Amino acid sequence: MVRNPERRTALVDSAIEVLAREGARGLTFRAVDAEAGVPAGTSSNYFSSRDDLFTQAGRHIHVRMAPDPAEVAEAMRPGPSRELVASLTHWVVRRMTAERTGYLAMLELRLEATRRPALRAELTRALRADLEANIRFHVDSGLPGDADTVRLLYLAVNGLLVEAFTLPGMFGEEETAEQSSTEGELAGSGSPDPGIARLVRLIVDRIVPT
């Protein structure tokens, strides 16, 4: 049977939507077909099993969440500095907040990867490649710090996003009006939360050298 690559991508995107909304247990062929608005049984023609569906979602999700190269080029126009790292980190947090569905689906995939070896291998490969590309980009761009700086930023920002998406009240109560105003300016327009912006700034200040 000839399969349509665009249809496959649309089905994987629908699987990501189902994952974010229903969790891993809700990811069935029937649910994906309904989300994609296609006839029942369509997904089973494109994926050999639920394992295959999970693995394909893990392979595609980092592509879906990758930034537009033109946006990256625009963000990099200022010269390399810790301020630029702060601006880029705020930008990443804003992008992940805008792509909340994708991030929640990623969390579901990470948990499911503890039970599915093929998914674990695919996610590890894809995320390791992304991290290594980010390290090369940081170092080659002359941004302050080294490979370990990028690794620590990766760990800190991902931990922050997990809290923001799952327990959003964890840190917001500590925010003062003055901090909200200051960090709102630092984060730029569209910041998801002033408390989050303050923590992003702290992460950068404590991790990235001057």
C-alpha atoms as a PDB file:
ATOM      1  CA  MET A   1       0.000   0.000   0.000  1.00  0.00           C
ATOM      2  CA  VAL A   2       1.312   3.476  -0.938  1.00  0.00           C
ATOM      3  CA  ARG A   3       1.266   5.762   2.084  1.00  0.00           C
ATOM      4  CA  ASN A   4       1.117   9.551   2.008  1.00  0.00           C
ATOM      5  CA  PRO A   5       4.042  11.160   3.947  1.00  0.00           C
ATOM      6  CA  GLU A   6       1.980  14.286   4.644  1.00  0.00           C
ATOM      7  CA  ARG A   7      -0.834  12.135   6.037  1.00  0.00           C
ATOM      8  CA  ARG A   8       1.667  10.305   8.258  1.00  0.00           C
ATOM      9  CA  THR A   9       2.986  13.636   9.619  1.00  0.00           C
ATOM     10  CA  ALA A  10      -0.567  14.845  10.258  1.00  0.00           C
ATOM     11  CA  LEU A  11      -1.328  11.644  12.145  1.00  0.00           C
ATOM     12  CA  VAL A  12       1.805  11.978  14.278  1.00  0.00           C
ATOM     13  CA  ASP A  13       0.874  15.592  15.061  1.00  0.00           C
ATOM     14  CA  SER A  14      -2.558  14.362  16.091  1.00  0.00           C
ATOM     15  CA  ALA A  15      -0.904  11.739  18.297  1.00  0.00           C
ATOM     16  CA  ILE A  16       1.039  14.524  20.017  1.00  0.00           C
ATOM     17  CA  GLU A  17      -2.196  16.439  20.649  1.00  0.00           C
ATOM     18  CA  VAL A  18      -3.785  13.306  22.145  1.00  0.00           C
ATOM     19  CA  LEU A  19      -0.742  12.664  24.337  1.00  0.00           C
ATOM     20  CA  ALA A  20      -0.827  16.185  25.758  1.00  0.00           C
ATOM     21  CA  ARG A  21      -4.558  16.065  26.455  1.00  0.00           C
ATOM     22  CA  GLU A  22      -5.207  12.431  27.406  1.00  0.00           C
ATOM     23  CA  GLY A  23      -1.824  11.092  28.464  1.00  0.00           C
ATOM     24  CA  ALA A  24      -0.097   7.953  27.249  1.00  0.00           C
ATOM     25  CA  ARG A  25      -3.027   5.667  28.134  1.00  0.00           C
ATOM     26  CA  GLY A  26      -5.274   7.702  25.885  1.00  0.00           C
ATOM     27  CA  LEU A  27      -3.038   7.314  22.840  1.00  0.00           C
ATOM     28  CA  THR A  28      -4.907   4.780  20.716  1.00  0.00           C
ATOM     29  CA  PHE A  29      -5.385   4.429  16.986  1.00  0.00           C
ATOM     30  CA  ARG A  30      -9.051   5.322  17.424  1.00  0.00           C
ATOM     31  CA  ALA A  31      -8.170   8.519  19.348  1.00  0.00           C
ATOM     32  CA  VAL A  32      -5.603   9.574  16.734  1.00  0.00           C
ATOM     33  CA  ASP A  33      -8.053   8.989  13.890  1.00  0.00           C
ATOM     34  CA  ALA A  34     -10.681  11.067  15.675  1.00  0.00           C
ATOM     35  CA  GLU A  35      -8.206  13.876  16.397  1.00  0.00           C
ATOM     36  CA  ALA A  36      -7.020  13.912  12.781  1.00  0.00           C
ATOM     37  CA  GLY A  37     -10.569  13.776  11.424  1.00  0.00           C
ATOM     38  CA  VAL A  38      -9.850  10.720   9.245  1.00  0.00           C
ATOM     39  CA  PRO A  39     -11.780   7.471   8.812  1.00  0.00           C
ATOM     40  CA  ALA A  40     -11.461   4.877  11.546  1.00  0.00           C
ATOM     41  CA  GLY A  41      -8.620   2.487  10.816  1.00  0.00           C
ATOM     42  CA  THR A  42      -6.445   5.045   9.020  1.00  0.00           C
ATOM     43  CA  SER A  43      -3.745   5.119  11.702  1.00  0.00           C
ATOM     44  CA  SER A  44      -3.416   1.346  11.721  1.00  0.00           C
ATOM     45  CA  ASN A  45      -2.454   1.562   8.035  1.00  0.00           C
ATOM     46  CA  TYR A  46       0.477   3.853   8.881  1.00  0.00           C
ATOM     47  CA  PHE A  47       1.731   2.436  12.192  1.00  0.00           C
ATOM     48  CA  SER A  48       2.318  -1.238  12.851  1.00  0.00           C
ATOM     49  CA  SER A  49       1.553  -1.040  16.584  1.00  0.00           C
ATOM     50  CA  ARG A  50       1.145   1.367  19.491  1.00  0.00           C
ATOM     51  CA  ASP A  51       4.880   0.969  20.088  1.00  0.00           C
ATOM     52  CA  ASP A  52       5.482   2.193  16.541  1.00  0.00           C
ATOM     53  CA  LEU A  53       3.088   5.111  17.085  1.00  0.00           C
ATOM     54  CA  PHE A  54       4.911   6.154  20.264  1.00  0.00           C
ATOM     55  CA  THR A  55       8.301   5.858  18.554  1.00  0.00           C
ATOM     56  CA  GLN A  56       7.187   7.927  15.567  1.00  0.00           C
ATOM     57  CA  ALA A  57       5.851  10.597  17.923  1.00  0.00           C
ATOM     58  CA  GLY A  58       9.189  10.622  19.739  1.00  0.00           C
ATOM     59  CA  ARG A  59      11.009  10.997  16.419  1.00  0.00           C
ATOM     60  CA  HIS A  60       8.816  13.877  15.249  1.00  0.00           C
ATOM     61  CA  ILE A  61       8.272  15.946  18.354  1.00  0.00           C
ATOM     62  CA  HIS A  62      11.700  17.591  18.438  1.00  0.00           C
ATOM     63  CA  VAL A  63      11.177  18.644  14.796  1.00  0.00           C
ATOM     64  CA  ARG A  64       7.848  20.204  15.689  1.00  0.00           C
ATOM     65  CA  MET A  65       9.390  22.106  18.596  1.00  0.00           C
ATOM     66  CA  ALA A  66      12.522  23.298  16.771  1.00  0.00           C
ATOM     67  CA  PRO A  67      12.799  27.084  16.253  1.00  0.00           C
ATOM     68  CA  ASP A  68      12.577  28.776  12.878  1.00  0.00           C
ATOM     69  CA  PRO A  69      16.178  29.402  11.663  1.00  0.00           C
ATOM     70  CA  ALA A  70      15.203  32.951  10.683  1.00  0.00           C
ATOM     71  CA  GLU A  71      14.057  33.623  14.253  1.00  0.00           C
ATOM     72  CA  VAL A  72      17.339  32.251  15.575  1.00  0.00           C
ATOM     73  CA  ALA A  73      19.305  34.524  13.247  1.00  0.00           C
ATOM     74  CA  GLU A  74      17.284  37.535  14.387  1.00  0.00           C
ATOM     75  CA  ALA A  75      17.758  36.646  18.057  1.00  0.00           C
ATOM     76  CA  MET A  76      21.527  36.403  17.517  1.00  0.00           C
ATOM     77  CA  ARG A  77      21.948  39.897  16.051  1.00  0.00           C
ATOM     78  CA  PRO A  78      23.361  41.406  19.290  1.00  0.00           C
ATOM     79  CA  GLY A  79      26.969  40.563  20.081  1.00  0.00           C
ATOM     80  CA  PRO A  80      27.751  37.568  22.312  1.00  0.00           C
ATOM     81  CA  SER A  81      27.378  38.344  26.026  1.00  0.00           C
ATOM     82  CA  ARG A  82      25.683  37.048  29.151  1.00  0.00           C
ATOM     83  CA  GLU A  83      22.831  39.459  28.403  1.00  0.00           C
ATOM     84  CA  LEU A  84      22.354  37.731  25.059  1.00  0.00           C
ATOM     85  CA  VAL A  85      22.295  34.330  26.786  1.00  0.00           C
ATOM     86  CA  ALA A  86      19.614  35.685  29.139  1.00  0.00           C
ATOM     87  CA  SER A  87      17.597  36.996  26.189  1.00  0.00           C
ATOM     88  CA  LEU A  88      17.903  33.672  24.360  1.00  0.00           C
ATOM     89  CA  THR A  89      16.887  31.721  27.463  1.00  0.00           C
ATOM     90  CA  HIS A  90      13.819  33.912  27.997  1.00  0.00           C
ATOM     91  CA  TRP A  91      12.998  33.347  24.326  1.00  0.00           C
ATOM     92  CA  VAL A  92      13.241  29.567  24.741  1.00  0.00           C
ATOM     93  CA  VAL A  93      10.869  29.696  27.723  1.00  0.00           C
ATOM     94  CA  ARG A  94       8.392  31.823  25.757  1.00  0.00           C
ATOM     95  CA  ARG A  95       8.561  29.411  22.803  1.00  0.00           C
ATOM     96  CA  MET A  96       7.991  26.382  25.017  1.00  0.00           C
ATOM     97  CA  THR A  97       5.068  28.151  26.690  1.00  0.00           C
ATOM     98  CA  ALA A  98       3.568  28.882  23.265  1.00  0.00           C
ATOM     99  CA  GLU A  99       4.136  25.197  22.364  1.00  0.00           C
ATOM    100  CA  ARG A 100       2.675  23.948  25.635  1.00  0.00           C
ATOM    101  CA  THR A 101       0.987  21.010  23.918  1.00  0.00           C
ATOM    102  CA  GLY A 102       4.290  19.795  22.524  1.00  0.00           C
ATOM    103  CA  TYR A 103       6.075  20.133  25.854  1.00  0.00           C
ATOM    104  CA  LEU A 104       3.388  18.247  27.762  1.00  0.00           C
ATOM    105  CA  ALA A 105       3.454  15.521  25.112  1.00  0.00           C
ATOM    106  CA  MET A 106       7.228  15.350  25.518  1.00  0.00           C
ATOM    107  CA  LEU A 107       6.806  14.774  29.256  1.00  0.00           C
ATOM    108  CA  GLU A 108       4.371  11.942  28.526  1.00  0.00           C
ATOM    109  CA  LEU A 109       6.821  10.442  26.039  1.00  0.00           C
ATOM    110  CA  ARG A 110       9.666  10.629  28.556  1.00  0.00           C
ATOM    111  CA  LEU A 111       7.623   8.713  31.110  1.00  0.00           C
ATOM    112  CA  GLU A 112       6.486   6.166  28.555  1.00  0.00           C
ATOM    113  CA  ALA A 113      10.100   5.720  27.436  1.00  0.00           C
ATOM    114  CA  THR A 114      10.847   4.056  30.779  1.00  0.00           C
ATOM    115  CA  ARG A 115       8.610   1.195  29.608  1.00  0.00           C
ATOM    116  CA  ARG A 116       9.259   1.142  25.856  1.00  0.00           C
ATOM    117  CA  PRO A 117      12.880   0.481  24.789  1.00  0.00           C
ATOM    118  CA  ALA A 118      12.400   1.581  21.171  1.00  0.00           C
ATOM    119  CA  LEU A 119      10.907   4.895  22.280  1.00  0.00           C
ATOM    120  CA  ARG A 120      13.668   5.358  24.842  1.00  0.00           C
ATOM    121  CA  ALA A 121      16.323   4.815  22.168  1.00  0.00           C
ATOM    122  CA  GLU A 122      14.643   7.249  19.764  1.00  0.00           C
ATOM    123  CA  LEU A 123      14.141   9.992  22.345  1.00  0.00           C
ATOM    124  CA  THR A 124      17.694   9.596  23.628  1.00  0.00           C
ATOM    125  CA  ARG A 125      19.093   9.839  20.108  1.00  0.00           C
ATOM    126  CA  ALA A 126      17.018  12.867  19.157  1.00  0.00           C
ATOM    127  CA  LEU A 127      17.466  14.843  22.373  1.00  0.00           C
ATOM    128  CA  ARG A 128      21.173  14.056  22.613  1.00  0.00           C
ATOM    129  CA  ALA A 129      21.630  15.309  19.035  1.00  0.00           C
ATOM    130  CA  ASP A 130      19.718  18.501  19.881  1.00  0.00           C
ATOM    131  CA  LEU A 131      21.813  19.109  22.989  1.00  0.00           C
ATOM    132  CA  GLU A 132      25.065  18.535  21.111  1.00  0.00           C
ATOM    133  CA  ALA A 133      23.904  20.930  18.389  1.00  0.00           C
ATOM    134  CA  ASN A 134      23.084  23.541  21.047  1.00  0.00           C
ATOM    135  CA  ILE A 135      26.539  23.114  22.580  1.00  0.00           C
ATOM    136  CA  ARG A 136      28.220  23.604  19.190  1.00  0.00           C
ATOM    137  CA  PHE A 137      26.046  26.641  18.480  1.00  0.00           C
ATOM    138  CA  HIS A 138      26.850  28.224  21.865  1.00  0.00           C
ATOM    139  CA  VAL A 139      30.604  27.664  21.589  1.00  0.00           C
ATOM    140  CA  ASP A 140      30.881  28.554  17.894  1.00  0.00           C
ATOM    141  CA  SER A 141      28.883  31.773  18.467  1.00  0.00           C
ATOM    142  CA  GLY A 142      31.369  32.949  21.088  1.00  0.00           C
ATOM    143  CA  LEU A 143      28.767  33.047  23.855  1.00  0.00           C
ATOM    144  CA  PRO A 144      30.256  33.024  27.368  1.00  0.00           C
ATOM    145  CA  GLY A 145      30.810  29.644  28.963  1.00  0.00           C
ATOM    146  CA  ASP A 146      31.597  26.188  27.653  1.00  0.00           C
ATOM    147  CA  ALA A 147      29.878  22.878  26.975  1.00  0.00           C
ATOM    148  CA  ASP A 148      29.127  22.349  30.670  1.00  0.00           C
ATOM    149  CA  THR A 149      27.485  25.794  30.802  1.00  0.00           C
ATOM    150  CA  VAL A 150      25.030  24.664  28.126  1.00  0.00           C
ATOM    151  CA  ARG A 151      24.407  21.354  29.899  1.00  0.00           C
ATOM    152  CA  LEU A 152      23.627  23.123  33.171  1.00  0.00           C
ATOM    153  CA  LEU A 153      21.321  25.614  31.415  1.00  0.00           C
ATOM    154  CA  TYR A 154      19.551  22.677  29.741  1.00  0.00           C
ATOM    155  CA  LEU A 155      18.993  20.923  33.060  1.00  0.00           C
ATOM    156  CA  ALA A 156      17.928  24.064  34.938  1.00  0.00           C
ATOM    157  CA  VAL A 157      15.538  25.392  32.290  1.00  0.00           C
ATOM    158  CA  ASN A 158      13.923  21.998  31.724  1.00  0.00           C
ATOM    159  CA  GLY A 159      13.400  21.632  35.471  1.00  0.00           C
ATOM    160  CA  LEU A 160      11.840  25.085  35.577  1.00  0.00           C
ATOM    161  CA  LEU A 161       9.510  24.276  32.681  1.00  0.00           C
ATOM    162  CA  VAL A 162       8.368  21.037  34.324  1.00  0.00           C
ATOM    163  CA  GLU A 163       7.368  23.025  37.413  1.00  0.00           C
ATOM    164  CA  ALA A 164       5.731  25.774  35.352  1.00  0.00           C
ATOM    165  CA  PHE A 165       3.612  23.337  33.332  1.00  0.00           C
ATOM    166  CA  THR A 166       2.683  20.896  36.095  1.00  0.00           C
ATOM    167  CA  LEU A 167       2.649  22.941  39.341  1.00  0.00           C
ATOM    168  CA  PRO A 168       2.477  26.582  38.229  1.00  0.00           C
ATOM    169  CA  GLY A 169       1.934  27.912  41.763  1.00  0.00           C
ATOM    170  CA  MET A 170       5.240  26.601  43.087  1.00  0.00           C
ATOM    171  CA  PHE A 171       7.186  29.858  42.824  1.00  0.00           C
ATOM    172  CA  GLY A 172       4.732  32.579  41.802  1.00  0.00           C
ATOM    173  CA  GLU A 173       3.822  33.519  45.386  1.00  0.00           C
ATOM    174  CA  GLU A 174       7.365  34.737  46.055  1.00  0.00           C
ATOM    175  CA  GLU A 175       7.245  37.455  43.432  1.00  0.00           C
ATOM    176  CA  THR A 176       7.255  41.102  44.455  1.00  0.00           C
ATOM    177  CA  ALA A 177       5.792  43.944  42.425  1.00  0.00           C
ATOM    178  CA  GLU A 178       9.256  45.432  41.868  1.00  0.00           C
ATOM    179  CA  GLN A 179      10.672  42.104  40.656  1.00  0.00           C
ATOM    180  CA  SER A 180       7.697  41.597  38.375  1.00  0.00           C
ATOM    181  CA  SER A 181       8.241  44.968  36.707  1.00  0.00           C
ATOM    182  CA  THR A 182      11.987  44.550  36.330  1.00  0.00           C
ATOM    183  CA  GLU A 183      11.930  41.000  35.045  1.00  0.00           C
ATOM    184  CA  GLY A 184       9.015  41.709  32.753  1.00  0.00           C
ATOM    185  CA  GLU A 185      11.241  44.205  30.973  1.00  0.00           C
ATOM    186  CA  LEU A 186      14.152  41.744  30.889  1.00  0.00           C
ATOM    187  CA  ALA A 187      12.008  38.983  29.469  1.00  0.00           C
ATOM    188  CA  GLY A 188      10.389  41.117  26.819  1.00  0.00           C
ATOM    189  CA  SER A 189       6.788  41.080  25.675  1.00  0.00           C
ATOM    190  CA  GLY A 190       4.915  37.822  25.846  1.00  0.00           C
ATOM    191  CA  SER A 191       6.652  36.486  28.965  1.00  0.00           C
ATOM    192  CA  PRO A 192       4.483  33.677  30.371  1.00  0.00           C
ATOM    193  CA  ASP A 193       4.865  34.738  34.016  1.00  0.00           C
ATOM    194  CA  PRO A 194       6.958  37.367  35.846  1.00  0.00           C
ATOM    195  CA  GLY A 195       7.989  34.849  38.509  1.00  0.00           C
ATOM    196  CA  ILE A 196       9.264  32.495  35.839  1.00  0.00           C
ATOM    197  CA  ALA A 197      11.125  35.373  34.186  1.00  0.00           C
ATOM    198  CA  ARG A 198      12.868  36.181  37.473  1.00  0.00           C
ATOM    199  CA  LEU A 199      13.953  32.564  37.895  1.00  0.00           C
ATOM    200  CA  VAL A 200      15.245  32.430  34.324  1.00  0.00           C
ATOM    201  CA  ARG A 201      17.368  35.478  35.069  1.00  0.00           C
ATOM    202  CA  LEU A 202      18.700  33.871  38.252  1.00  0.00           C
ATOM    203  CA  ILE A 203      19.570  30.705  36.362  1.00  0.00           C
ATOM    204  CA  VAL A 204      21.571  32.645  33.802  1.00  0.00           C
ATOM    205  CA  ASP A 205      23.290  34.833  36.394  1.00  0.00           C
ATOM    206  CA  ARG A 206      24.350  31.834  38.510  1.00  0.00           C
ATOM    207  CA  ILE A 207      25.433  29.554  35.631  1.00  0.00           C
ATOM    208  CA  VAL A 208      26.810  31.742  32.846  1.00  0.00           C
ATOM    209  CA  PRO A 209      30.147  33.503  33.409  1.00  0.00           C
ATOM    210  CA  THR A 210      30.564  37.181  32.586  1.00  0.00           C
END
